[in-house]
Amino acid sequence: MPTKKQILLVNVARLITAVSAITVVTLVGIFLFNNPYSTAGMNRGTQWIMTGLVVLSLIAIGAAWKKRTLILTVCFVVSFVPVGFYLLLTPGIFALIGVAHLGFLLSALLLAMSRRC
């Protein structure tokens, strides 16, 4: 039987994951369809990368809901290391994509903590 502390940690992790994923999906949509920093059209590679970020965000929501810490951590690593870290270091609103990816890591840590208490 889970304790109240475990239930709270799991629910907070799920909330952080949902907010992070919604942030990523919203910002990727803005980036793809209405990028205020570029007048040039999107190339195929950028579309694939951004679509991958959306898919990883949706997988992260499912992983948090099912309390799968490893899958959530893999989603963080795959999305943050190549793209999220780069966007985190850029000026502008799209740096929030990198911050949202850090939310996946925080959620994975909270889920791991909920198993240990």
PDB file of N, CA and C in Angstrom:
ATOM      1  N   MET A   1       0.836  -1.187   0.000  1.00  0.00           N
ATOM      2  CA  MET A   1       0.000   0.000   0.000  1.00  0.00           C
ATOM      3  C   MET A   1       0.876   1.244   0.000  1.00  0.00           C
ATOM      4  N   PRO A   2       0.729   2.097  -1.007  1.00  0.00           N
ATOM      5  CA  PRO A   2       1.564   3.304  -1.056  1.00  0.00           C
ATOM      6  C   PRO A   2       1.198   4.297   0.052  1.00  0.00           C
ATOM      7  N   THR A   3       2.215   4.969   0.531  1.00  0.00           N
ATOM      8  CA  THR A   3       1.994   5.986   1.555  1.00  0.00           C
ATOM      9  C   THR A   3       1.530   7.283   0.898  1.00  0.00           C
ATOM     10  N   LYS A   4       1.092   8.224   1.727  1.00  0.00           N
ATOM     11  CA  LYS A   4       0.648   9.519   1.203  1.00  0.00           C
ATOM     12  C   LYS A   4       1.802  10.271   0.547  1.00  0.00           C
ATOM     13  N   LYS A   5       2.997  10.112   1.095  1.00  0.00           N
ATOM     14  CA  LYS A   5       4.169  10.770   0.516  1.00  0.00           C
ATOM     15  C   LYS A   5       4.473  10.208  -0.871  1.00  0.00           C
ATOM     16  N   GLN A   6       4.369   8.895  -1.028  1.00  0.00           N
ATOM     17  CA  GLN A   6       4.603   8.283  -2.334  1.00  0.00           C
ATOM     18  C   GLN A   6       3.565   8.746  -3.355  1.00  0.00           C
ATOM     19  N   ILE A   7       2.326   8.786  -2.931  1.00  0.00           N
ATOM     20  CA  ILE A   7       1.259   9.231  -3.832  1.00  0.00           C
ATOM     21  C   ILE A   7       1.483  10.680  -4.246  1.00  0.00           C
ATOM     22  N   LEU A   8       1.882  11.511  -3.297  1.00  0.00           N
ATOM     23  CA  LEU A   8       2.149  12.915  -3.605  1.00  0.00           C
ATOM     24  C   LEU A   8       3.301  13.060  -4.596  1.00  0.00           C
ATOM     25  N   LEU A   9       4.396  12.322  -4.375  1.00  0.00           N
ATOM     26  CA  LEU A   9       5.543  12.402  -5.289  1.00  0.00           C
ATOM     27  C   LEU A   9       5.164  11.953  -6.698  1.00  0.00           C
ATOM     28  N   VAL A  10       4.393  10.884  -6.798  1.00  0.00           N
ATOM     29  CA  VAL A  10       3.976  10.393  -8.116  1.00  0.00           C
ATOM     30  C   VAL A  10       3.083  11.416  -8.812  1.00  0.00           C
ATOM     31  N   ASN A  11       2.145  11.991  -8.075  1.00  0.00           N
ATOM     32  CA  ASN A  11       1.243  12.969  -8.686  1.00  0.00           C
ATOM     33  C   ASN A  11       1.975  14.239  -9.108  1.00  0.00           C
ATOM     34  N   VAL A  12       2.939  14.685  -8.305  1.00  0.00           N
ATOM     35  CA  VAL A  12       3.730  15.864  -8.677  1.00  0.00           C
ATOM     36  C   VAL A  12       4.570  15.548  -9.921  1.00  0.00           C
ATOM     37  N   ALA A  13       5.144  14.347  -9.973  1.00  0.00           N
ATOM     38  CA  ALA A  13       5.931  13.951 -11.148  1.00  0.00           C
ATOM     39  C   ALA A  13       5.061  13.924 -12.401  1.00  0.00           C
ATOM     40  N   ARG A  14       3.864  13.406 -12.284  1.00  0.00           N
ATOM     41  CA  ARG A  14       2.946  13.373 -13.428  1.00  0.00           C
ATOM     42  C   ARG A  14       2.570  14.783 -13.876  1.00  0.00           C
ATOM     43  N   LEU A  15       2.327  15.658 -12.919  1.00  0.00           N
ATOM     44  CA  LEU A  15       1.979  17.038 -13.252  1.00  0.00           C
ATOM     45  C   LEU A  15       3.132  17.754 -13.945  1.00  0.00           C
ATOM     46  N   ILE A  16       4.345  17.593 -13.421  1.00  0.00           N
ATOM     47  CA  ILE A  16       5.517  18.232 -14.045  1.00  0.00           C
ATOM     48  C   ILE A  16       5.723  17.695 -15.454  1.00  0.00           C
ATOM     49  N   THR A  17       5.556  16.391 -15.639  1.00  0.00           N
ATOM     50  CA  THR A  17       5.716  15.813 -16.974  1.00  0.00           C
ATOM     51  C   THR A  17       4.662  16.363 -17.930  1.00  0.00           C
ATOM     52  N   ALA A  18       3.425  16.451 -17.481  1.00  0.00           N
ATOM     53  CA  ALA A  18       2.358  16.956 -18.355  1.00  0.00           C
ATOM     54  C   ALA A  18       2.607  18.407 -18.741  1.00  0.00           C
ATOM     55  N   VAL A  19       2.982  19.234 -17.768  1.00  0.00           N
ATOM     56  CA  VAL A  19       3.255  20.647 -18.065  1.00  0.00           C
ATOM     57  C   VAL A  19       4.453  20.766 -19.013  1.00  0.00           C
ATOM     58  N   SER A  20       5.490  19.979 -18.763  1.00  0.00           N
ATOM     59  CA  SER A  20       6.679  20.022 -19.633  1.00  0.00           C
ATOM     60  C   SER A  20       6.338  19.580 -21.051  1.00  0.00           C
ATOM     61  N   ALA A  21       5.573  18.512 -21.170  1.00  0.00           N
ATOM     62  CA  ALA A  21       5.220  18.011 -22.504  1.00  0.00           C
ATOM     63  C   ALA A  21       4.333  19.001 -23.252  1.00  0.00           C
ATOM     64  N   ILE A  22       3.373  19.600 -22.559  1.00  0.00           N
ATOM     65  CA  ILE A  22       2.514  20.601 -23.207  1.00  0.00           C
ATOM     66  C   ILE A  22       3.343  21.803 -23.647  1.00  0.00           C
ATOM     67  N   THR A  23       4.308  22.187 -22.838  1.00  0.00           N
ATOM     68  CA  THR A  23       5.197  23.298 -23.204  1.00  0.00           C
ATOM     69  C   THR A  23       5.995  22.961 -24.453  1.00  0.00           C
ATOM     70  N   VAL A  24       6.570  21.753 -24.495  1.00  0.00           N
ATOM     71  CA  VAL A  24       7.360  21.346 -25.662  1.00  0.00           C
ATOM     72  C   VAL A  24       6.489  21.315 -26.910  1.00  0.00           C
ATOM     73  N   VAL A  25       5.317  20.698 -26.822  1.00  0.00           N
ATOM     74  CA  VAL A  25       4.444  20.587 -27.999  1.00  0.00           C
ATOM     75  C   VAL A  25       4.016  21.969 -28.488  1.00  0.00           C
ATOM     76  N   THR A  26       3.676  22.862 -27.576  1.00  0.00           N
ATOM     77  CA  THR A  26       3.263  24.213 -27.959  1.00  0.00           C
ATOM     78  C   THR A  26       4.398  24.977 -28.626  1.00  0.00           C
ATOM     79  N   LEU A  27       5.570  24.940 -28.017  1.00  0.00           N
ATOM     80  CA  LEU A  27       6.704  25.684 -28.580  1.00  0.00           C
ATOM     81  C   LEU A  27       7.183  25.090 -29.902  1.00  0.00           C
ATOM     82  N   VAL A  28       7.129  23.778 -30.025  1.00  0.00           N
ATOM     83  CA  VAL A  28       7.505  23.153 -31.300  1.00  0.00           C
ATOM     84  C   VAL A  28       6.501  23.553 -32.384  1.00  0.00           C
ATOM     85  N   GLY A  29       5.226  23.614 -32.033  1.00  0.00           N
ATOM     86  CA  GLY A  29       4.219  24.063 -33.001  1.00  0.00           C
ATOM     87  C   GLY A  29       4.474  25.487 -33.464  1.00  0.00           C
ATOM     88  N   ILE A  30       4.828  26.354 -32.523  1.00  0.00           N
ATOM     89  CA  ILE A  30       5.172  27.726 -32.887  1.00  0.00           C
ATOM     90  C   ILE A  30       6.407  27.750 -33.768  1.00  0.00           C
ATOM     91  N   PHE A  31       7.399  26.959 -33.402  1.00  0.00           N
ATOM     92  CA  PHE A  31       8.648  26.923 -34.163  1.00  0.00           C
ATOM     93  C   PHE A  31       8.420  26.439 -35.592  1.00  0.00           C
ATOM     94  N   LEU A  32       7.582  25.427 -35.755  1.00  0.00           N
ATOM     95  CA  LEU A  32       7.371  24.864 -37.086  1.00  0.00           C
ATOM     96  C   LEU A  32       6.472  25.725 -37.964  1.00  0.00           C
ATOM     97  N   PHE A  33       5.420  26.289 -37.390  1.00  0.00           N
ATOM     98  CA  PHE A  33       4.422  26.946 -38.217  1.00  0.00           C
ATOM     99  C   PHE A  33       4.468  28.465 -38.194  1.00  0.00           C
ATOM    100  N   ASN A  34       5.109  29.051 -37.175  1.00  0.00           N
ATOM    101  CA  ASN A  34       5.125  30.507 -37.086  1.00  0.00           C
ATOM    102  C   ASN A  34       6.390  30.960 -36.368  1.00  0.00           C
ATOM    103  N   ASN A  35       7.531  30.635 -36.925  1.00  0.00           N
ATOM    104  CA  ASN A  35       8.801  30.968 -36.291  1.00  0.00           C
ATOM    105  C   ASN A  35       9.060  32.470 -36.436  1.00  0.00           C
ATOM    106  N   PRO A  36       9.046  33.208 -35.321  1.00  0.00           N
ATOM    107  CA  PRO A  36       9.246  34.658 -35.418  1.00  0.00           C
ATOM    108  C   PRO A  36      10.704  35.047 -35.681  1.00  0.00           C
ATOM    109  N   TYR A  37      11.631  34.112 -35.565  1.00  0.00           N
ATOM    110  CA  TYR A  37      13.047  34.423 -35.726  1.00  0.00           C
ATOM    111  C   TYR A  37      13.574  34.128 -37.121  1.00  0.00           C
ATOM    112  N   SER A  38      12.751  33.560 -37.980  1.00  0.00           N
ATOM    113  CA  SER A  38      13.226  33.201 -39.310  1.00  0.00           C
ATOM    114  C   SER A  38      12.102  33.376 -40.324  1.00  0.00           C
ATOM    115  N   THR A  39      12.469  33.916 -41.470  1.00  0.00           N
ATOM    116  CA  THR A  39      11.490  34.042 -42.552  1.00  0.00           C
ATOM    117  C   THR A  39      11.635  32.907 -43.554  1.00  0.00           C
ATOM    118  N   ALA A  40      12.726  32.171 -43.459  1.00  0.00           N
ATOM    119  CA  ALA A  40      12.940  31.037 -44.354  1.00  0.00           C
ATOM    120  C   ALA A  40      12.031  29.881 -43.928  1.00  0.00           C
ATOM    121  N   GLY A  41      11.662  29.061 -44.866  1.00  0.00           N
ATOM    122  CA  GLY A  41      10.825  27.908 -44.554  1.00  0.00           C
ATOM    123  C   GLY A  41      11.612  26.818 -43.830  1.00  0.00           C
ATOM    124  N   MET A  42      10.909  25.900 -43.260  1.00  0.00           N
ATOM    125  CA  MET A  42      11.540  24.788 -42.550  1.00  0.00           C
ATOM    126  C   MET A  42      12.019  23.756 -43.563  1.00  0.00           C
ATOM    127  N   ASN A  43      13.183  23.199 -43.290  1.00  0.00           N
ATOM    128  CA  ASN A  43      13.638  22.115 -44.146  1.00  0.00           C
ATOM    129  C   ASN A  43      13.182  20.788 -43.557  1.00  0.00           C
ATOM    130  N   ARG A  44      13.385  19.719 -44.284  1.00  0.00           N
ATOM    131  CA  ARG A  44      12.895  18.401 -43.890  1.00  0.00           C
ATOM    132  C   ARG A  44      13.538  17.910 -42.597  1.00  0.00           C
ATOM    133  N   GLY A  45      14.824  18.172 -42.421  1.00  0.00           N
ATOM    134  CA  GLY A  45      15.530  17.729 -41.219  1.00  0.00           C
ATOM    135  C   GLY A  45      14.972  18.361 -39.959  1.00  0.00           C
ATOM    136  N   THR A  46      14.693  19.649 -40.017  1.00  0.00           N
ATOM    137  CA  THR A  46      14.125  20.348 -38.860  1.00  0.00           C
ATOM    138  C   THR A  46      12.742  19.800 -38.537  1.00  0.00           C
ATOM    139  N   GLN A  47      11.958  19.512 -39.551  1.00  0.00           N
ATOM    140  CA  GLN A  47      10.633  18.953 -39.317  1.00  0.00           C
ATOM    141  C   GLN A  47      10.715  17.590 -38.636  1.00  0.00           C
ATOM    142  N   TRP A  48      11.658  16.753 -39.060  1.00  0.00           N
ATOM    143  CA  TRP A  48      11.823  15.433 -38.438  1.00  0.00           C
ATOM    144  C   TRP A  48      12.261  15.557 -36.984  1.00  0.00           C
ATOM    145  N   ILE A  49      13.192  16.444 -36.714  1.00  0.00           N
ATOM    146  CA  ILE A  49      13.681  16.622 -35.341  1.00  0.00           C
ATOM    147  C   ILE A  49      12.560  17.113 -34.437  1.00  0.00           C
ATOM    148  N   MET A  50      11.826  18.103 -34.882  1.00  0.00           N
ATOM    149  CA  MET A  50      10.761  18.656 -34.064  1.00  0.00           C
ATOM    150  C   MET A  50       9.608  17.664 -33.880  1.00  0.00           C
ATOM    151  N   THR A  51       9.319  16.881 -34.900  1.00  0.00           N
ATOM    152  CA  THR A  51       8.305  15.834 -34.761  1.00  0.00           C
ATOM    153  C   THR A  51       8.763  14.791 -33.745  1.00  0.00           C
ATOM    154  N   GLY A  52      10.045  14.473 -33.758  1.00  0.00           N
ATOM    155  CA  GLY A  52      10.596  13.554 -32.769  1.00  0.00           C
ATOM    156  C   GLY A  52      10.454  14.077 -31.357  1.00  0.00           C
ATOM    157  N   LEU A  53      10.646  15.379 -31.174  1.00  0.00           N
ATOM    158  CA  LEU A  53      10.467  15.969 -29.846  1.00  0.00           C
ATOM    159  C   LEU A  53       9.023  15.845 -29.367  1.00  0.00           C
ATOM    160  N   VAL A  54       8.085  16.022 -30.275  1.00  0.00           N
ATOM    161  CA  VAL A  54       6.672  15.883 -29.909  1.00  0.00           C
ATOM    162  C   VAL A  54       6.366  14.435 -29.523  1.00  0.00           C
ATOM    163  N   VAL A  55       6.857  13.492 -30.305  1.00  0.00           N
ATOM    164  CA  VAL A  55       6.623  12.074 -30.010  1.00  0.00           C
ATOM    165  C   VAL A  55       7.249  11.693 -28.672  1.00  0.00           C
ATOM    166  N   LEU A  56       8.465  12.146 -28.420  1.00  0.00           N
ATOM    167  CA  LEU A  56       9.111  11.856 -27.138  1.00  0.00           C
ATOM    168  C   LEU A  56       8.355  12.479 -25.968  1.00  0.00           C
ATOM    169  N   SER A  57       7.766  13.639 -26.166  1.00  0.00           N
ATOM    170  CA  SER A  57       6.964  14.260 -25.111  1.00  0.00           C
ATOM    171  C   SER A  57       5.731  13.428 -24.800  1.00  0.00           C
ATOM    172  N   LEU A  58       5.097  12.902 -25.831  1.00  0.00           N
ATOM    173  CA  LEU A  58       3.922  12.061 -25.613  1.00  0.00           C
ATOM    174  C   LEU A  58       4.303  10.742 -24.933  1.00  0.00           C
ATOM    175  N   ILE A  59       5.439  10.181 -25.308  1.00  0.00           N
ATOM    176  CA  ILE A  59       5.925   8.968 -24.641  1.00  0.00           C
ATOM    177  C   ILE A  59       6.239   9.261 -23.176  1.00  0.00           C
ATOM    178  N   ALA A  60       6.800  10.431 -22.906  1.00  0.00           N
ATOM    179  CA  ALA A  60       7.122  10.804 -21.526  1.00  0.00           C
ATOM    180  C   ALA A  60       5.866  10.902 -20.671  1.00  0.00           C
ATOM    181  N   ILE A  61       4.781  11.426 -21.228  1.00  0.00           N
ATOM    182  CA  ILE A  61       3.523  11.485 -20.475  1.00  0.00           C
ATOM    183  C   ILE A  61       3.054  10.074 -20.125  1.00  0.00           C
ATOM    184  N   GLY A  62       3.101   9.177 -21.087  1.00  0.00           N
ATOM    185  CA  GLY A  62       2.709   7.790 -20.822  1.00  0.00           C
ATOM    186  C   GLY A  62       3.611   7.120 -19.801  1.00  0.00           C
ATOM    187  N   ALA A  63       4.908   7.399 -19.874  1.00  0.00           N
ATOM    188  CA  ALA A  63       5.848   6.810 -18.922  1.00  0.00           C
ATOM    189  C   ALA A  63       5.590   7.321 -17.511  1.00  0.00           C
ATOM    190  N   ALA A  64       5.288   8.591 -17.369  1.00  0.00           N
ATOM    191  CA  ALA A  64       4.999   9.142 -16.040  1.00  0.00           C
ATOM    192  C   ALA A  64       3.690   8.570 -15.505  1.00  0.00           C
ATOM    193  N   TRP A  65       2.716   8.422 -16.373  1.00  0.00           N
ATOM    194  CA  TRP A  65       1.432   7.890 -15.937  1.00  0.00           C
ATOM    195  C   TRP A  65       1.571   6.446 -15.447  1.00  0.00           C
ATOM    196  N   LYS A  66       2.416   5.665 -16.133  1.00  0.00           N
ATOM    197  CA  LYS A  66       2.612   4.265 -15.749  1.00  0.00           C
ATOM    198  C   LYS A  66       3.768   4.069 -14.768  1.00  0.00           C
ATOM    199  N   LYS A  67       4.365   5.174 -14.318  1.00  0.00           N
ATOM    200  CA  LYS A  67       5.469   5.164 -13.349  1.00  0.00           C
ATOM    201  C   LYS A  67       6.685   4.380 -13.860  1.00  0.00           C
ATOM    202  N   ARG A  68       7.037   4.609 -15.105  1.00  0.00           N
ATOM    203  CA  ARG A  68       8.198   3.965 -15.729  1.00  0.00           C
ATOM    204  C   ARG A  68       9.363   4.949 -15.737  1.00  0.00           C
ATOM    205  N   THR A  69      10.157   4.888 -14.689  1.00  0.00           N
ATOM    206  CA  THR A  69      11.259   5.829 -14.515  1.00  0.00           C
ATOM    207  C   THR A  69      12.294   5.709 -15.624  1.00  0.00           C
ATOM    208  N   LEU A  70      12.622   4.483 -16.010  1.00  0.00           N
ATOM    209  CA  LEU A  70      13.650   4.284 -17.034  1.00  0.00           C
ATOM    210  C   LEU A  70      13.222   4.880 -18.372  1.00  0.00           C
ATOM    211  N   ILE A  71      11.986   4.654 -18.770  1.00  0.00           N
ATOM    212  CA  ILE A  71      11.504   5.197 -20.047  1.00  0.00           C
ATOM    213  C   ILE A  71      11.505   6.719 -20.004  1.00  0.00           C
ATOM    214  N   LEU A  72      11.103   7.281 -18.888  1.00  0.00           N
ATOM    215  CA  LEU A  72      11.101   8.741 -18.739  1.00  0.00           C
ATOM    216  C   LEU A  72      12.520   9.302 -18.807  1.00  0.00           C
ATOM    217  N   THR A  73      13.468   8.601 -18.212  1.00  0.00           N
ATOM    218  CA  THR A  73      14.871   9.023 -18.268  1.00  0.00           C
ATOM    219  C   THR A  73      15.408   8.929 -19.691  1.00  0.00           C
ATOM    220  N   VAL A  74      15.053   7.878 -20.392  1.00  0.00           N
ATOM    221  CA  VAL A  74      15.495   7.728 -21.791  1.00  0.00           C
ATOM    222  C   VAL A  74      14.902   8.848 -22.645  1.00  0.00           C
ATOM    223  N   CYS A  75      13.630   9.187 -22.414  1.00  0.00           N
ATOM    224  CA  CYS A  75      13.018  10.308 -23.152  1.00  0.00           C
ATOM    225  C   CYS A  75      13.774  11.599 -22.884  1.00  0.00           C
ATOM    226  N   PHE A  76      14.174  11.814 -21.629  1.00  0.00           N
ATOM    227  CA  PHE A  76      14.944  13.010 -21.304  1.00  0.00           C
ATOM    228  C   PHE A  76      16.268  13.011 -22.057  1.00  0.00           C
ATOM    229  N   VAL A  77      17.003  11.922 -21.979  1.00  0.00           N
ATOM    230  CA  VAL A  77      18.336  11.879 -22.593  1.00  0.00           C
ATOM    231  C   VAL A  77      18.245  12.057 -24.106  1.00  0.00           C
ATOM    232  N   VAL A  78      17.324  11.345 -24.736  1.00  0.00           N
ATOM    233  CA  VAL A  78      17.216  11.401 -26.198  1.00  0.00           C
ATOM    234  C   VAL A  78      16.759  12.777 -26.673  1.00  0.00           C
ATOM    235  N   SER A  79      15.913  13.439 -25.913  1.00  0.00           N
ATOM    236  CA  SER A  79      15.427  14.746 -26.355  1.00  0.00           C
ATOM    237  C   SER A  79      16.332  15.891 -25.905  1.00  0.00           C
ATOM    238  N   PHE A  80      16.942  15.769 -24.732  1.00  0.00           N
ATOM    239  CA  PHE A  80      17.721  16.891 -24.205  1.00  0.00           C
ATOM    240  C   PHE A  80      19.129  16.943 -24.779  1.00  0.00           C
ATOM    241  N   VAL A  81      19.807  15.813 -24.852  1.00  0.00           N
ATOM    242  CA  VAL A  81      21.227  15.838 -25.223  1.00  0.00           C
ATOM    243  C   VAL A  81      21.450  16.439 -26.615  1.00  0.00           C
ATOM    244  N   PRO A  82      20.765  15.999 -27.649  1.00  0.00           N
ATOM    245  CA  PRO A  82      21.090  16.615 -28.938  1.00  0.00           C
ATOM    246  C   PRO A  82      20.422  17.969 -29.178  1.00  0.00           C
ATOM    247  N   VAL A  83      19.167  18.117 -28.772  1.00  0.00           N
ATOM    248  CA  VAL A  83      18.409  19.296 -29.171  1.00  0.00           C
ATOM    249  C   VAL A  83      18.131  20.237 -27.996  1.00  0.00           C
ATOM    250  N   GLY A  84      17.652  19.689 -26.900  1.00  0.00           N
ATOM    251  CA  GLY A  84      17.256  20.515 -25.764  1.00  0.00           C
ATOM    252  C   GLY A  84      18.404  21.335 -25.196  1.00  0.00           C
ATOM    253  N   PHE A  85      19.576  20.745 -25.115  1.00  0.00           N
ATOM    254  CA  PHE A  85      20.733  21.471 -24.592  1.00  0.00           C
ATOM    255  C   PHE A  85      21.106  22.619 -25.517  1.00  0.00           C
ATOM    256  N   TYR A  86      21.071  22.365 -26.811  1.00  0.00           N
ATOM    257  CA  TYR A  86      21.366  23.421 -27.784  1.00  0.00           C
ATOM    258  C   TYR A  86      20.349  24.563 -27.660  1.00  0.00           C
ATOM    259  N   LEU A  87      19.064  24.210 -27.601  1.00  0.00           N
ATOM    260  CA  LEU A  87      18.034  25.247 -27.505  1.00  0.00           C
ATOM    261  C   LEU A  87      18.090  25.980 -26.176  1.00  0.00           C
ATOM    262  N   LEU A  88      18.512  25.294 -25.120  1.00  0.00           N
ATOM    263  CA  LEU A  88      18.642  25.934 -23.813  1.00  0.00           C
ATOM    264  C   LEU A  88      19.669  27.059 -23.844  1.00  0.00           C
ATOM    265  N   LEU A  89      20.669  26.931 -24.684  1.00  0.00           N
ATOM    266  CA  LEU A  89      21.736  27.919 -24.756  1.00  0.00           C
ATOM    267  C   LEU A  89      21.462  29.036 -25.764  1.00  0.00           C
ATOM    268  N   THR A  90      20.340  28.965 -26.461  1.00  0.00           N
ATOM    269  CA  THR A  90      20.022  30.002 -27.434  1.00  0.00           C
ATOM    270  C   THR A  90      19.176  31.086 -26.778  1.00  0.00           C
ATOM    271  N   PRO A  91      19.289  32.320 -27.266  1.00  0.00           N
ATOM    272  CA  PRO A  91      18.416  33.370 -26.734  1.00  0.00           C
ATOM    273  C   PRO A  91      17.014  33.229 -27.325  1.00  0.00           C
ATOM    274  N   GLY A  92      16.058  33.683 -26.614  1.00  0.00           N
ATOM    275  CA  GLY A  92      14.693  33.674 -27.141  1.00  0.00           C
ATOM    276  C   GLY A  92      13.797  32.673 -26.432  1.00  0.00           C
ATOM    277  N   ILE A  93      12.580  32.622 -26.899  1.00  0.00           N
ATOM    278  CA  ILE A  93      11.550  31.823 -26.252  1.00  0.00           C
ATOM    279  C   ILE A  93      11.789  30.323 -26.400  1.00  0.00           C
ATOM    280  N   PHE A  94      12.482  29.913 -27.445  1.00  0.00           N
ATOM    281  CA  PHE A  94      12.661  28.487 -27.686  1.00  0.00           C
ATOM    282  C   PHE A  94      13.657  27.840 -26.726  1.00  0.00           C
ATOM    283  N   ALA A  95      14.325  28.634 -25.922  1.00  0.00           N
ATOM    284  CA  ALA A  95      15.169  28.080 -24.855  1.00  0.00           C
ATOM    285  C   ALA A  95      14.309  27.365 -23.817  1.00  0.00           C
ATOM    286  N   LEU A  96      13.030  27.711 -23.761  1.00  0.00           N
ATOM    287  CA  LEU A  96      12.127  27.039 -22.826  1.00  0.00           C
ATOM    288  C   LEU A  96      11.915  25.573 -23.176  1.00  0.00           C
ATOM    289  N   ILE A  97      12.189  25.182 -24.420  1.00  0.00           N
ATOM    290  CA  ILE A  97      12.116  23.759 -24.775  1.00  0.00           C
ATOM    291  C   ILE A  97      13.148  22.990 -23.962  1.00  0.00           C
ATOM    292  N   GLY A  98      14.341  23.528 -23.850  1.00  0.00           N
ATOM    293  CA  GLY A  98      15.372  22.878 -23.033  1.00  0.00           C
ATOM    294  C   GLY A  98      14.996  22.829 -21.561  1.00  0.00           C
ATOM    295  N   VAL A  99      14.384  23.899 -21.074  1.00  0.00           N
ATOM    296  CA  VAL A  99      13.930  23.925 -19.679  1.00  0.00           C
ATOM    297  C   VAL A  99      12.847  22.871 -19.463  1.00  0.00           C
ATOM    298  N   ALA A 100      11.932  22.749 -20.413  1.00  0.00           N
ATOM    299  CA  ALA A 100      10.862  21.751 -20.300  1.00  0.00           C
ATOM    300  C   ALA A 100      11.438  20.337 -20.302  1.00  0.00           C
ATOM    301  N   HIS A 101      12.490  20.114 -21.079  1.00  0.00           N
ATOM    302  CA  HIS A 101      13.131  18.791 -21.055  1.00  0.00           C
ATOM    303  C   HIS A 101      13.733  18.498 -19.697  1.00  0.00           C
ATOM    304  N   LEU A 102      14.237  19.510 -19.021  1.00  0.00           N
ATOM    305  CA  LEU A 102      14.744  19.311 -17.662  1.00  0.00           C
ATOM    306  C   LEU A 102      13.610  18.896 -16.721  1.00  0.00           C
ATOM    307  N   GLY A 103      12.384  19.275 -17.041  1.00  0.00           N
ATOM    308  CA  GLY A 103      11.229  18.820 -16.270  1.00  0.00           C
ATOM    309  C   GLY A 103      11.059  17.313 -16.345  1.00  0.00           C
ATOM    310  N   PHE A 104      11.408  16.717 -17.490  1.00  0.00           N
ATOM    311  CA  PHE A 104      11.358  15.249 -17.605  1.00  0.00           C
ATOM    312  C   PHE A 104      12.348  14.599 -16.642  1.00  0.00           C
ATOM    313  N   LEU A 105      13.533  15.186 -16.531  1.00  0.00           N
ATOM    314  CA  LEU A 105      14.533  14.654 -15.598  1.00  0.00           C
ATOM    315  C   LEU A 105      14.039  14.786 -14.162  1.00  0.00           C
ATOM    316  N   LEU A 106      13.490  15.933 -13.826  1.00  0.00           N
ATOM    317  CA  LEU A 106      12.969  16.139 -12.474  1.00  0.00           C
ATOM    318  C   LEU A 106      11.860  15.134 -12.165  1.00  0.00           C
ATOM    319  N   SER A 107      11.001  14.878 -13.118  1.00  0.00           N
ATOM    320  CA  SER A 107       9.927  13.903 -12.923  1.00  0.00           C
ATOM    321  C   SER A 107      10.478  12.499 -12.719  1.00  0.00           C
ATOM    322  N   ALA A 108      11.488  12.137 -13.489  1.00  0.00           N
ATOM    323  CA  ALA A 108      12.103  10.820 -13.313  1.00  0.00           C
ATOM    324  C   ALA A 108      12.722  10.690 -11.928  1.00  0.00           C
ATOM    325  N   LEU A 109      13.358  11.755 -11.452  1.00  0.00           N
ATOM    326  CA  LEU A 109      13.943  11.727 -10.109  1.00  0.00           C
ATOM    327  C   LEU A 109      12.864  11.606  -9.038  1.00  0.00           C
ATOM    328  N   LEU A 110      11.753  12.315  -9.210  1.00  0.00           N
ATOM    329  CA  LEU A 110      10.654  12.223  -8.248  1.00  0.00           C
ATOM    330  C   LEU A 110      10.040  10.827  -8.227  1.00  0.00           C
ATOM    331  N   LEU A 111       9.904  10.229  -9.408  1.00  0.00           N
ATOM    332  CA  LEU A 111       9.376   8.858  -9.448  1.00  0.00           C
ATOM    333  C   LEU A 111      10.324   7.880  -8.771  1.00  0.00           C
ATOM    334  N   ALA A 112      11.627   8.067  -8.970  1.00  0.00           N
ATOM    335  CA  ALA A 112      12.604   7.205  -8.314  1.00  0.00           C
ATOM    336  C   ALA A 112      12.559   7.401  -6.791  1.00  0.00           C
ATOM    337  N   MET A 113      12.389   8.638  -6.351  1.00  0.00           N
ATOM    338  CA  MET A 113      12.286   8.908  -4.926  1.00  0.00           C
ATOM    339  C   MET A 113      11.022   8.280  -4.321  1.00  0.00           C
ATOM    340  N   SER A 114       9.950   8.251  -5.096  1.00  0.00           N
ATOM    341  CA  SER A 114       8.700   7.680  -4.580  1.00  0.00           C
ATOM    342  C   SER A 114       8.820   6.177  -4.333  1.00  0.00           C
ATOM    343  N   ARG A 115       9.697   5.530  -5.045  1.00  0.00           N
ATOM    344  CA  ARG A 115       9.911   4.090  -4.829  1.00  0.00           C
ATOM    345  C   ARG A 115      10.744   3.810  -3.590  1.00  0.00           C
ATOM    346  N   ARG A 116      11.566   4.765  -3.209  1.00  0.00           N
ATOM    347  CA  ARG A 116      12.494   4.560  -2.102  1.00  0.00           C
ATOM    348  C   ARG A 116      11.937   4.967  -0.749  1.00  0.00           C
ATOM    349  N   CYS A 117      10.836   5.713  -0.716  1.00  0.00           N
ATOM    350  CA  CYS A 117      10.333   6.131   0.597  1.00  0.00           C
ATOM    351  C   CYS A 117       9.150   5.294   1.058  1.00  0.00           C
TER     352      CYS A 117
END
